PDB file of N, CA and C in Angstrom:
ATOM      1  N   MET A   1      91.658  -3.620 -44.825  1.00  0.00           N
ATOM      2  CA  MET A   1      90.421  -4.137 -44.660  1.00  0.00           C
ATOM      3  C   MET A   1      89.316  -4.033 -45.595  1.00  0.00           C
ATOM      4  N   VAL A   2      88.752  -5.021 -45.802  1.00  0.00           N
ATOM      5  CA  VAL A   2      87.626  -5.134 -46.665  1.00  0.00           C
ATOM      6  C   VAL A   2      86.693  -4.767 -45.937  1.00  0.00           C
ATOM      7  N   THR A   3      85.550  -3.302 -46.209  1.00  0.00           N
ATOM      8  CA  THR A   3      84.174  -3.097 -45.100  1.00  0.00           C
ATOM      9  C   THR A   3      83.449  -3.349 -46.129  1.00  0.00           C
ATOM     10  N   HIS A   4      83.117  -3.715 -47.262  1.00  0.00           N
ATOM     11  CA  HIS A   4      82.106  -3.836 -48.111  1.00  0.00           C
ATOM     12  C   HIS A   4      82.044  -4.359 -49.484  1.00  0.00           C
ATOM     13  N   PHE A   5      81.475  -5.111 -50.242  1.00  0.00           N
ATOM     14  CA  PHE A   5      81.674  -5.407 -51.333  1.00  0.00           C
ATOM     15  C   PHE A   5      80.594  -5.712 -52.157  1.00  0.00           C
ATOM     16  N   TYR A   6      80.634  -4.861 -53.491  1.00  0.00           N
ATOM     17  CA  TYR A   6      79.385  -4.790 -54.522  1.00  0.00           C
ATOM     18  C   TYR A   6      79.627  -6.044 -55.303  1.00  0.00           C
ATOM     19  N   ASP A   7      78.898  -7.026 -55.483  1.00  0.00           N
ATOM     20  CA  ASP A   7      79.194  -7.860 -56.299  1.00  0.00           C
ATOM     21  C   ASP A   7      78.983  -8.057 -57.749  1.00  0.00           C
ATOM     22  N   LYS A   8      77.932  -6.814 -58.000  1.00  0.00           N
ATOM     23  CA  LYS A   8      77.546  -6.536 -59.496  1.00  0.00           C
ATOM     24  C   LYS A   8      78.430  -5.808 -60.000  1.00  0.00           C
ATOM     25  N   ILE A   9      79.255  -5.266 -59.409  1.00  0.00           N
ATOM     26  CA  ILE A   9      80.447  -4.308 -60.137  1.00  0.00           C
ATOM     27  C   ILE A   9      81.807  -4.748 -59.968  1.00  0.00           C
ATOM     28  N   GLY A  10      82.008  -5.653 -58.740  1.00  0.00           N
ATOM     29  CA  GLY A  10      83.107  -6.243 -58.466  1.00  0.00           C
ATOM     30  C   GLY A  10      84.412  -5.277 -57.907  1.00  0.00           C
ATOM     31  N   VAL A  11      83.482  -4.682 -56.692  1.00  0.00           N
ATOM     32  CA  VAL A  11      84.204  -3.683 -56.240  1.00  0.00           C
ATOM     33  C   VAL A  11      84.009  -3.942 -54.820  1.00  0.00           C
ATOM     34  N   ALA A  12      85.432  -3.666 -54.021  1.00  0.00           N
ATOM     35  CA  ALA A  12      85.463  -3.682 -52.449  1.00  0.00           C
ATOM     36  C   ALA A  12      85.588  -2.415 -52.016  1.00  0.00           C
ATOM     37  N   VAL A  13      85.010  -1.960 -50.917  1.00  0.00           N
ATOM     38  CA  VAL A  13      85.164  -0.829 -50.195  1.00  0.00           C
ATOM     39  C   VAL A  13      86.373  -1.342 -48.980  1.00  0.00           C
ATOM     40  N   VAL A  14      87.486  -0.604 -49.353  1.00  0.00           N
ATOM     41  CA  VAL A  14      88.292  -1.021 -48.236  1.00  0.00           C
ATOM     42  C   VAL A  14      88.968   0.339 -47.705  1.00  0.00           C
ATOM     43  N   LYS A  15      89.570  -0.197 -46.249  1.00  0.00           N
ATOM     44  CA  LYS A  15      90.218   0.870 -45.261  1.00  0.00           C
ATOM     45  C   LYS A  15      91.560   0.550 -44.956  1.00  0.00           C
ATOM     46  N   LEU A  16      92.376   1.391 -45.270  1.00  0.00           N
ATOM     47  CA  LEU A  16      93.440   0.999 -45.398  1.00  0.00           C
ATOM     48  C   LEU A  16      94.109   1.335 -43.876  1.00  0.00           C
ATOM     49  N   LYS A  17      95.205   0.823 -43.354  1.00  0.00           N
ATOM     50  CA  LYS A  17      95.532   0.758 -41.953  1.00  0.00           C
ATOM     51  C   LYS A  17      96.832   1.215 -41.828  1.00  0.00           C
ATOM     52  N   ASN A  18      97.941   0.208 -42.239  1.00  0.00           N
ATOM     53  CA  ASN A  18      99.401   0.461 -42.047  1.00  0.00           C
ATOM     54  C   ASN A  18     100.076   0.691 -43.385  1.00  0.00           C
ATOM     55  N   ALA A  19      99.411   0.925 -44.661  1.00  0.00           N
ATOM     56  CA  ALA A  19     100.649   1.275 -45.446  1.00  0.00           C
ATOM     57  C   ALA A  19      99.805   1.965 -46.862  1.00  0.00           C
ATOM     58  N   ASP A  20     100.719   2.715 -47.737  1.00  0.00           N
ATOM     59  CA  ASP A  20      99.724   3.199 -48.802  1.00  0.00           C
ATOM     60  C   ASP A  20     100.027   2.089 -50.006  1.00  0.00           C
ATOM     61  N   LEU A  21      98.966   2.358 -50.831  1.00  0.00           N
ATOM     62  CA  LEU A  21      98.724   1.613 -51.929  1.00  0.00           C
ATOM     63  C   LEU A  21      98.165   2.299 -53.194  1.00  0.00           C
ATOM     64  N   LYS A  22      99.081   2.024 -54.220  1.00  0.00           N
ATOM     65  CA  LYS A  22      99.308   2.508 -55.333  1.00  0.00           C
ATOM     66  C   LYS A  22      99.194   1.454 -56.880  1.00  0.00           C
ATOM     67  N   VAL A  23      98.369   2.124 -57.551  1.00  0.00           N
ATOM     68  CA  VAL A  23      97.817   1.178 -58.856  1.00  0.00           C
ATOM     69  C   VAL A  23      99.043   0.789 -59.389  1.00  0.00           C
ATOM     70  N   GLY A  24      99.103  -0.353 -59.704  1.00  0.00           N
ATOM     71  CA  GLY A  24     100.252  -1.446 -60.144  1.00  0.00           C
ATOM     72  C   GLY A  24     101.100  -2.213 -58.892  1.00  0.00           C
ATOM     73  N   ASP A  25     100.524  -1.829 -57.688  1.00  0.00           N
ATOM     74  CA  ASP A  25     101.007  -2.586 -56.757  1.00  0.00           C
ATOM     75  C   ASP A  25     100.500  -4.246 -56.806  1.00  0.00           C
ATOM     76  N   LYS A  26     100.994  -5.246 -56.279  1.00  0.00           N
ATOM     77  CA  LYS A  26     100.660  -6.402 -56.212  1.00  0.00           C
ATOM     78  C   LYS A  26      99.964  -6.604 -54.882  1.00  0.00           C
ATOM     79  N   ILE A  27      98.803  -7.153 -54.781  1.00  0.00           N
ATOM     80  CA  ILE A  27      98.061  -7.371 -53.418  1.00  0.00           C
ATOM     81  C   ILE A  27      97.685  -8.693 -53.417  1.00  0.00           C
ATOM     82  N   LYS A  28      97.761  -9.189 -51.874  1.00  0.00           N
ATOM     83  CA  LYS A  28      97.218 -10.445 -51.519  1.00  0.00           C
ATOM     84  C   LYS A  28      95.874 -10.463 -50.791  1.00  0.00           C
ATOM     85  N   LEU A  29      94.588 -10.718 -50.949  1.00  0.00           N
ATOM     86  CA  LEU A  29      93.650 -10.836 -50.044  1.00  0.00           C
ATOM     87  C   LEU A  29      93.183 -11.875 -49.509  1.00  0.00           C
ATOM     88  N   VAL A  30      92.917 -11.872 -48.219  1.00  0.00           N
ATOM     89  CA  VAL A  30      93.031 -13.093 -47.440  1.00  0.00           C
ATOM     90  C   VAL A  30      91.801 -13.067 -46.665  1.00  0.00           C
ATOM     91  N   SER A  31      90.880 -14.021 -46.495  1.00  0.00           N
ATOM     92  CA  SER A  31      89.563 -14.042 -45.890  1.00  0.00           C
ATOM     93  C   SER A  31      89.920 -14.624 -44.653  1.00  0.00           C
ATOM     94  N   SER A  32      88.711 -14.812 -43.688  1.00  0.00           N
ATOM     95  CA  SER A  32      88.506 -15.130 -42.514  1.00  0.00           C
ATOM     96  C   SER A  32      88.832 -16.851 -42.512  1.00  0.00           C
ATOM     97  N   ASP A  33      87.908 -17.329 -43.774  1.00  0.00           N
ATOM     98  CA  ASP A  33      87.448 -18.513 -43.745  1.00  0.00           C
ATOM     99  C   ASP A  33      88.910 -19.343 -44.682  1.00  0.00           C
ATOM    100  N   GLY A  34      89.880 -18.313 -44.636  1.00  0.00           N
ATOM    101  CA  GLY A  34      91.168 -18.908 -45.179  1.00  0.00           C
ATOM    102  C   GLY A  34      91.653 -18.936 -46.680  1.00  0.00           C
ATOM    103  N   SER A  35      90.429 -18.453 -47.474  1.00  0.00           N
ATOM    104  CA  SER A  35      90.683 -18.570 -48.781  1.00  0.00           C
ATOM    105  C   SER A  35      91.245 -16.940 -49.112  1.00  0.00           C
ATOM    106  N   GLU A  36      92.149 -17.345 -50.249  1.00  0.00           N
ATOM    107  CA  GLU A  36      93.043 -16.072 -50.380  1.00  0.00           C
ATOM    108  C   GLU A  36      93.305 -15.982 -52.005  1.00  0.00           C
ATOM    109  N   PHE A  37      93.600 -15.206 -52.877  1.00  0.00           N
ATOM    110  CA  PHE A  37      94.024 -14.643 -54.082  1.00  0.00           C
ATOM    111  C   PHE A  37      94.895 -13.518 -53.964  1.00  0.00           C
ATOM    112  N   THR A  38      95.530 -13.468 -55.383  1.00  0.00           N
ATOM    113  CA  THR A  38      96.773 -12.266 -55.705  1.00  0.00           C
ATOM    114  C   THR A  38      96.265 -11.321 -56.704  1.00  0.00           C
ATOM    115  N   GLN A  39      96.279 -10.150 -56.689  1.00  0.00           N
ATOM    116  CA  GLN A  39      96.097  -9.554 -58.008  1.00  0.00           C
ATOM    117  C   GLN A  39      96.863  -8.492 -58.210  1.00  0.00           C
ATOM    118  N   LYS A  40      96.854  -7.581 -59.280  1.00  0.00           N
ATOM    119  CA  LYS A  40      97.311  -6.463 -59.338  1.00  0.00           C
ATOM    120  C   LYS A  40      96.478  -5.330 -58.963  1.00  0.00           C
ATOM    121  N   VAL A  41      96.510  -4.255 -58.679  1.00  0.00           N
ATOM    122  CA  VAL A  41      95.926  -3.168 -58.492  1.00  0.00           C
ATOM    123  C   VAL A  41      95.819  -2.430 -59.868  1.00  0.00           C
ATOM    124  N   GLU A  42      94.561  -2.424 -60.498  1.00  0.00           N
ATOM    125  CA  GLU A  42      94.116  -1.982 -61.713  1.00  0.00           C
ATOM    126  C   GLU A  42      93.737  -0.808 -61.535  1.00  0.00           C
ATOM    127  N   SER A  43      92.700  -0.510 -60.616  1.00  0.00           N
ATOM    128  CA  SER A  43      91.581   0.599 -60.660  1.00  0.00           C
ATOM    129  C   SER A  43      91.375   0.763 -59.151  1.00  0.00           C
ATOM    130  N   MET A  44      91.414   2.279 -58.496  1.00  0.00           N
ATOM    131  CA  MET A  44      90.737   2.660 -57.352  1.00  0.00           C
ATOM    132  C   MET A  44      89.977   3.691 -57.481  1.00  0.00           C
ATOM    133  N   GLN A  45      89.069   4.398 -56.514  1.00  0.00           N
ATOM    134  CA  GLN A  45      88.144   5.362 -56.715  1.00  0.00           C
ATOM    135  C   GLN A  45      88.085   5.865 -55.111  1.00  0.00           C
ATOM    136  N   ILE A  46      87.914   7.253 -55.034  1.00  0.00           N
ATOM    137  CA  ILE A  46      87.418   7.935 -53.993  1.00  0.00           C
ATOM    138  C   ILE A  46      86.220   8.736 -54.624  1.00  0.00           C
ATOM    139  N   GLU A  47      85.225   8.585 -53.980  1.00  0.00           N
ATOM    140  CA  GLU A  47      83.823   9.245 -54.570  1.00  0.00           C
ATOM    141  C   GLU A  47      83.858   9.349 -55.674  1.00  0.00           C
ATOM    142  N   HIS A  48      83.802   8.455 -56.737  1.00  0.00           N
ATOM    143  CA  HIS A  48      83.685   8.039 -58.053  1.00  0.00           C
ATOM    144  C   HIS A  48      84.828   8.551 -58.861  1.00  0.00           C
ATOM    145  N   ALA A  49      85.724   9.303 -58.243  1.00  0.00           N
ATOM    146  CA  ALA A  49      87.155   9.752 -58.680  1.00  0.00           C
ATOM    147  C   ALA A  49      88.058   9.000 -58.970  1.00  0.00           C
ATOM    148  N   GLU A  50      89.090   8.549 -60.059  1.00  0.00           N
ATOM    149  CA  GLU A  50      90.035   7.955 -60.076  1.00  0.00           C
ATOM    150  C   GLU A  50      91.113   8.286 -59.034  1.00  0.00           C
ATOM    151  N   ILE A  51      91.609   7.333 -58.744  1.00  0.00           N
ATOM    152  CA  ILE A  51      92.908   7.717 -57.578  1.00  0.00           C
ATOM    153  C   ILE A  51      94.102   7.263 -58.224  1.00  0.00           C
ATOM    154  N   GLU A  52      95.372   7.494 -58.322  1.00  0.00           N
ATOM    155  CA  GLU A  52      96.524   6.706 -58.785  1.00  0.00           C
ATOM    156  C   GLU A  52      97.100   6.003 -57.031  1.00  0.00           C
ATOM    157  N   ILE A  53      96.877   6.625 -56.061  1.00  0.00           N
ATOM    158  CA  ILE A  53      97.385   6.322 -54.660  1.00  0.00           C
ATOM    159  C   ILE A  53      96.747   6.342 -53.619  1.00  0.00           C
ATOM    160  N   ALA A  54      96.569   5.495 -52.773  1.00  0.00           N
ATOM    161  CA  ALA A  54      95.563   5.501 -51.550  1.00  0.00           C
ATOM    162  C   ALA A  54      96.694   5.580 -50.278  1.00  0.00           C
ATOM    163  N   LYS A  55      96.340   6.408 -49.798  1.00  0.00           N
ATOM    164  CA  LYS A  55      97.085   6.359 -48.329  1.00  0.00           C
ATOM    165  C   LYS A  55      96.632   5.634 -46.952  1.00  0.00           C
ATOM    166  N   SER A  56      97.273   5.755 -46.063  1.00  0.00           N
ATOM    167  CA  SER A  56      96.970   5.119 -44.904  1.00  0.00           C
ATOM    168  C   SER A  56      95.915   5.826 -44.284  1.00  0.00           C
ATOM    169  N   GLY A  57      94.685   5.202 -43.845  1.00  0.00           N
ATOM    170  CA  GLY A  57      93.484   5.801 -43.528  1.00  0.00           C
ATOM    171  C   GLY A  57      92.659   6.143 -44.255  1.00  0.00           C
ATOM    172  N   ASP A  58      92.798   6.160 -45.640  1.00  0.00           N
ATOM    173  CA  ASP A  58      91.614   6.302 -46.743  1.00  0.00           C
ATOM    174  C   ASP A  58      90.777   5.425 -46.849  1.00  0.00           C
ATOM    175  N   GLU A  59      89.705   5.346 -47.562  1.00  0.00           N
ATOM    176  CA  GLU A  59      88.619   4.817 -47.485  1.00  0.00           C
ATOM    177  C   GLU A  59      88.239   4.723 -49.047  1.00  0.00           C
ATOM    178  N   PHE A  60      88.266   3.688 -49.944  1.00  0.00           N
ATOM    179  CA  PHE A  60      87.911   3.619 -51.166  1.00  0.00           C
ATOM    180  C   PHE A  60      87.522   2.270 -51.814  1.00  0.00           C
ATOM    181  N   GLY A  61      87.062   2.727 -53.284  1.00  0.00           N
ATOM    182  CA  GLY A  61      86.811   1.196 -53.663  1.00  0.00           C
ATOM    183  C   GLY A  61      88.158   1.008 -54.695  1.00  0.00           C
ATOM    184  N   LEU A  62      88.021  -0.361 -54.597  1.00  0.00           N
ATOM    185  CA  LEU A  62      88.980  -1.463 -55.295  1.00  0.00           C
ATOM    186  C   LEU A  62      88.567  -2.222 -56.258  1.00  0.00           C
ATOM    187  N   LYS A  63      88.667  -2.089 -57.140  1.00  0.00           N
ATOM    188  CA  LYS A  63      88.264  -3.451 -58.490  1.00  0.00           C
ATOM    189  C   LYS A  63      88.825  -4.673 -58.158  1.00  0.00           C
ATOM    190  N   VAL A  64      88.277  -5.506 -57.744  1.00  0.00           N
ATOM    191  CA  VAL A  64      88.891  -6.913 -57.484  1.00  0.00           C
ATOM    192  C   VAL A  64      88.459  -8.070 -58.403  1.00  0.00           C
ATOM    193  N   ASP A  65      89.287  -9.144 -58.646  1.00  0.00           N
ATOM    194  CA  ASP A  65      89.216  -9.859 -59.577  1.00  0.00           C
ATOM    195  C   ASP A  65      88.187 -11.165 -59.290  1.00  0.00           C
ATOM    196  N   LYS A  66      87.751 -11.386 -57.646  1.00  0.00           N
ATOM    197  CA  LYS A  66      87.272 -12.403 -57.466  1.00  0.00           C
ATOM    198  C   LYS A  66      86.351 -11.885 -56.168  1.00  0.00           C
ATOM    199  N   SER A  67      85.012 -12.375 -55.893  1.00  0.00           N
ATOM    200  CA  SER A  67      84.323 -12.084 -54.735  1.00  0.00           C
ATOM    201  C   SER A  67      85.356 -12.225 -53.354  1.00  0.00           C
ATOM    202  N   VAL A  68      84.765 -10.981 -52.364  1.00  0.00           N
ATOM    203  CA  VAL A  68      85.348 -10.912 -51.174  1.00  0.00           C
ATOM    204  C   VAL A  68      84.218 -10.671 -50.054  1.00  0.00           C
ATOM    205  N   LYS A  69      84.556 -11.339 -48.694  1.00  0.00           N
ATOM    206  CA  LYS A  69      84.105 -10.909 -47.692  1.00  0.00           C
ATOM    207  C   LYS A  69      83.883  -9.600 -47.027  1.00  0.00           C
ATOM    208  N   PRO A  70      83.520  -9.124 -45.980  1.00  0.00           N
ATOM    209  CA  PRO A  70      83.850  -7.979 -44.954  1.00  0.00           C
ATOM    210  C   PRO A  70      84.590  -8.851 -44.254  1.00  0.00           C
ATOM    211  N   LYS A  71      85.855  -7.970 -43.837  1.00  0.00           N
ATOM    212  CA  LYS A  71      86.739  -8.217 -43.012  1.00  0.00           C
ATOM    213  C   LYS A  71      88.046  -9.084 -43.591  1.00  0.00           C
ATOM    214  N   THR A  72      87.693  -9.417 -45.079  1.00  0.00           N
ATOM    215  CA  THR A  72      88.935  -9.627 -45.810  1.00  0.00           C
ATOM    216  C   THR A  72      90.238  -8.612 -45.858  1.00  0.00           C
ATOM    217  N   GLU A  73      91.110  -9.213 -44.937  1.00  0.00           N
ATOM    218  CA  GLU A  73      92.593  -8.640 -45.006  1.00  0.00           C
ATOM    219  C   GLU A  73      93.051  -8.497 -46.429  1.00  0.00           C
ATOM    220  N   ILE A  74      93.891  -7.386 -46.748  1.00  0.00           N
ATOM    221  CA  ILE A  74      94.832  -6.962 -47.615  1.00  0.00           C
ATOM    222  C   ILE A  74      96.404  -6.581 -47.490  1.00  0.00           C
ATOM    223  N   PHE A  75      96.812  -7.513 -48.173  1.00  0.00           N
ATOM    224  CA  PHE A  75      98.356  -7.414 -47.806  1.00  0.00           C
ATOM    225  C   PHE A  75      98.911  -6.737 -49.427  1.00  0.00           C
ATOM    226  N   LYS A  76      99.813  -5.843 -49.072  1.00  0.00           N
ATOM    227  CA  LYS A  76     100.695  -5.453 -50.243  1.00  0.00           C
ATOM    228  C   LYS A  76     102.098  -6.289 -50.393  1.00  0.00           C
ATOM    229  N   ILE A  77     102.210  -7.010 -51.620  1.00  0.00           N
ATOM    230  CA  ILE A  77     103.110  -7.884 -51.809  1.00  0.00           C
ATOM    231  C   ILE A  77     104.448  -7.528 -52.452  1.00  0.00           C
ATOM    232  N   SER A  78     104.058  -6.375 -53.169  1.00  0.00           N
ATOM    233  CA  SER A  78     105.291  -5.686 -54.123  1.00  0.00           C
ATOM    234  C   SER A  78     105.159  -4.045 -53.883  1.00  0.00           C
TER     235      SER A  78
END
């Protein structure tokens, strides 16, 4: 779930709940207003350090293709 979004740099702060996520995974982002889009995970960071895998329970920065709102849900689709 997205907890914060930095619009100037296009980065969402994400808290993972149920699954691990890695660079190259395809995800769907779904907001509470019903808008959604899919994208490939290209870049993730924890404390400004690039990571390849985020584990369930991690909070990290995710580069996103479009603007998102807090509470947007993220689903891994591949």
